[in-house]
C-alpha atoms as a PDB file:
ATOM      1  CA  UNK A   1      25.312  14.448  40.592  1.00  0.00           C
ATOM      2  CA  UNK A   2      28.175  15.038  43.029  1.00  0.00           C
ATOM      3  CA  UNK A   3      28.148  17.743  45.713  1.00  0.00           C
ATOM      4  CA  UNK A   4      30.741  19.701  43.727  1.00  0.00           C
ATOM      5  CA  UNK A   5      28.620  19.409  40.589  1.00  0.00           C
ATOM      6  CA  UNK A   6      25.578  20.699  42.467  1.00  0.00           C
ATOM      7  CA  UNK A   7      27.591  23.623  43.833  1.00  0.00           C
ATOM      8  CA  UNK A   8      28.611  24.609  40.320  1.00  0.00           C
ATOM      9  CA  UNK A   9      25.031  24.200  39.108  1.00  0.00           C
ATOM     10  CA  UNK A  10      23.226  25.972  41.966  1.00  0.00           C
ATOM     11  CA  UNK A  11      25.644  28.582  43.318  1.00  0.00           C
ATOM     12  CA  UNK A  12      25.143  31.447  43.413  1.00  0.00           C
ATOM     13  CA  UNK A  13      21.569  30.561  44.241  1.00  0.00           C
ATOM     14  CA  UNK A  14      18.492  32.611  43.540  1.00  0.00           C
ATOM     15  CA  UNK A  15      16.973  34.614  46.355  1.00  0.00           C
ATOM     16  CA  UNK A  16      13.852  32.458  46.102  1.00  0.00           C
ATOM     17  CA  UNK A  17      15.821  29.252  46.512  1.00  0.00           C
ATOM     18  CA  UNK A  18      17.755  30.727  49.441  1.00  0.00           C
ATOM     19  CA  UNK A  19      14.556  31.638  51.292  1.00  0.00           C
ATOM     20  CA  UNK A  20      12.907  28.284  50.564  1.00  0.00           C
ATOM     21  CA  UNK A  21      15.920  26.296  51.767  1.00  0.00           C
ATOM     22  CA  UNK A  22      16.218  28.526  54.814  1.00  0.00           C
ATOM     23  CA  UNK A  23      12.531  27.964  55.592  1.00  0.00           C
ATOM     24  CA  UNK A  24      13.014  24.218  55.457  1.00  0.00           C
ATOM     25  CA  UNK A  25      15.370  24.135  58.418  1.00  0.00           C
ATOM     26  CA  UNK A  26      12.004  23.502  60.060  1.00  0.00           C
ATOM     27  CA  UNK A  27       9.521  21.024  58.595  1.00  0.00           C
ATOM     28  CA  UNK A  28       6.994  22.840  56.405  1.00  0.00           C
ATOM     29  CA  UNK A  29       4.646  22.266  53.479  1.00  0.00           C
ATOM     30  CA  UNK A  30       4.487  24.488  50.397  1.00  0.00           C
ATOM     31  CA  UNK A  31       1.895  26.912  51.700  1.00  0.00           C
ATOM     32  CA  UNK A  32       3.708  27.111  55.040  1.00  0.00           C
ATOM     33  CA  UNK A  33       6.896  28.052  53.181  1.00  0.00           C
ATOM     34  CA  UNK A  34       5.013  30.762  51.278  1.00  0.00           C
ATOM     35  CA  UNK A  35       3.725  32.260  54.543  1.00  0.00           C
ATOM     36  CA  UNK A  36       7.126  32.019  56.248  1.00  0.00           C
ATOM     37  CA  UNK A  37       8.969  33.741  53.394  1.00  0.00           C
ATOM     38  CA  UNK A  38       6.379  36.513  53.293  1.00  0.00           C
ATOM     39  CA  UNK A  39       6.775  36.977  57.057  1.00  0.00           C
ATOM     40  CA  UNK A  40      10.588  36.984  57.209  1.00  0.00           C
ATOM     41  CA  UNK A  41      10.851  39.364  54.243  1.00  0.00           C
ATOM     42  CA  UNK A  42       8.140  41.607  55.724  1.00  0.00           C
ATOM     43  CA  UNK A  43       6.061  41.129  52.583  1.00  0.00           C
ATOM     44  CA  UNK A  44       8.860  42.083  50.179  1.00  0.00           C
ATOM     45  CA  UNK A  45       8.778  38.604  48.634  1.00  0.00           C
ATOM     46  CA  UNK A  46       5.491  36.835  48.010  1.00  0.00           C
ATOM     47  CA  UNK A  47       5.983  33.445  46.386  1.00  0.00           C
ATOM     48  CA  UNK A  48       3.337  32.120  44.033  1.00  0.00           C
ATOM     49  CA  UNK A  49       2.216  28.500  44.053  1.00  0.00           C
ATOM     50  CA  UNK A  50       3.846  27.768  40.686  1.00  0.00           C
ATOM     51  CA  UNK A  51       7.199  29.125  41.818  1.00  0.00           C
ATOM     52  CA  UNK A  52       7.173  27.314  45.143  1.00  0.00           C
ATOM     53  CA  UNK A  53       6.179  23.909  43.821  1.00  0.00           C
ATOM     54  CA  UNK A  54       8.528  24.063  40.838  1.00  0.00           C
ATOM     55  CA  UNK A  55      11.411  24.990  43.153  1.00  0.00           C
ATOM     56  CA  UNK A  56      10.475  22.252  45.639  1.00  0.00           C
ATOM     57  CA  UNK A  57      10.571  19.675  42.828  1.00  0.00           C
ATOM     58  CA  UNK A  58      14.001  20.867  41.749  1.00  0.00           C
ATOM     59  CA  UNK A  59      15.351  20.894  45.308  1.00  0.00           C
ATOM     60  CA  UNK A  60      14.009  17.400  45.968  1.00  0.00           C
ATOM     61  CA  UNK A  61      15.433  16.086  42.682  1.00  0.00           C
ATOM     62  CA  UNK A  62      18.846  17.538  43.626  1.00  0.00           C
ATOM     63  CA  UNK A  63      18.602  15.977  47.125  1.00  0.00           C
ATOM     64  CA  UNK A  64      18.716  19.332  48.923  1.00  0.00           C
ATOM     65  CA  UNK A  65      15.359  18.668  50.603  1.00  0.00           C
ATOM     66  CA  UNK A  66      13.397  15.543  51.383  1.00  0.00           C
ATOM     67  CA  UNK A  67       9.727  14.870  51.943  1.00  0.00           C
ATOM     68  CA  UNK A  68       9.042  13.839  55.528  1.00  0.00           C
ATOM     69  CA  UNK A  69       5.317  13.066  55.644  1.00  0.00           C
ATOM     70  CA  UNK A  70       1.961  14.020  54.217  1.00  0.00           C
ATOM     71  CA  UNK A  71      -0.807  15.573  56.294  1.00  0.00           C
ATOM     72  CA  UNK A  72      -4.201  16.242  54.699  1.00  0.00           C
ATOM     73  CA  UNK A  73      -2.652  15.962  51.206  1.00  0.00           C
ATOM     74  CA  UNK A  74       0.042  18.506  52.160  1.00  0.00           C
ATOM     75  CA  UNK A  75       3.533  17.141  51.663  1.00  0.00           C
ATOM     76  CA  UNK A  76       5.965  18.255  54.374  1.00  0.00           C
ATOM     77  CA  UNK A  77       9.640  18.871  53.563  1.00  0.00           C
ATOM     78  CA  UNK A  78      12.898  19.275  55.453  1.00  0.00           C
ATOM     79  CA  UNK A  79      16.345  20.380  54.325  1.00  0.00           C
ATOM     80  CA  UNK A  80      18.996  17.645  53.961  1.00  0.00           C
ATOM     81  CA  UNK A  81      22.635  17.748  55.050  1.00  0.00           C
ATOM     82  CA  UNK A  82      23.649  18.569  51.486  1.00  0.00           C
ATOM     83  CA  UNK A  83      21.051  21.345  51.388  1.00  0.00           C
ATOM     84  CA  UNK A  84      22.425  22.768  54.657  1.00  0.00           C
ATOM     85  CA  UNK A  85      25.939  22.687  53.209  1.00  0.00           C
ATOM     86  CA  UNK A  86      24.917  24.644  50.105  1.00  0.00           C
ATOM     87  CA  UNK A  87      22.816  27.063  52.165  1.00  0.00           C
ATOM     88  CA  UNK A  88      25.787  27.825  54.442  1.00  0.00           C
ATOM     89  CA  UNK A  89      28.065  28.334  51.452  1.00  0.00           C
ATOM     90  CA  UNK A  90      25.586  30.746  49.902  1.00  0.00           C
ATOM     91  CA  UNK A  91      25.244  32.577  53.244  1.00  0.00           C
ATOM     92  CA  UNK A  92      29.033  33.052  53.332  1.00  0.00           C
ATOM     93  CA  UNK A  93      28.919  34.480  49.802  1.00  0.00           C
ATOM     94  CA  UNK A  94      26.130  36.896  50.759  1.00  0.00           C
ATOM     95  CA  UNK A  95      28.046  38.053  53.844  1.00  0.00           C
ATOM     96  CA  UNK A  96      31.137  38.767  51.728  1.00  0.00           C
ATOM     97  CA  UNK A  97      28.975  40.678  49.255  1.00  0.00           C
ATOM     98  CA  UNK A  98      27.367  42.625  52.087  1.00  0.00           C
ATOM     99  CA  UNK A  99      30.769  43.628  53.487  1.00  0.00           C
ATOM    100  CA  UNK A 100      31.803  44.958  50.088  1.00  0.00           C
ATOM    101  CA  UNK A 101      28.505  46.842  49.762  1.00  0.00           C
ATOM    102  CA  UNK A 102      29.055  48.464  53.177  1.00  0.00           C
ATOM    103  CA  UNK A 103      32.495  49.649  52.051  1.00  0.00           C
ATOM    104  CA  UNK A 104      30.927  51.271  49.002  1.00  0.00           C
ATOM    105  CA  UNK A 105      28.546  53.269  51.175  1.00  0.00           C
END
């Protein structure tokens, strides 16, 4: 699928996907992502194993992340250039939404 096709398919992205992609700007395995998301959301979002691994499969299939290595049966992942591009585009959308929300308050 082309980058434009992926944008149409994945944007706007779910909050879960946004946090997972954001977490993978640094190499992490599934459980490490779960801990990182819990930490950066101050416990507001706690990802379950099913959610994380299903999302990782989808992101890998769409070439937004790539496996880097396996340590003690834990597969490590990292965001790809295409994943970074979509993450930045989603961040711009969220910022625009946030500005509108501030005006409403």
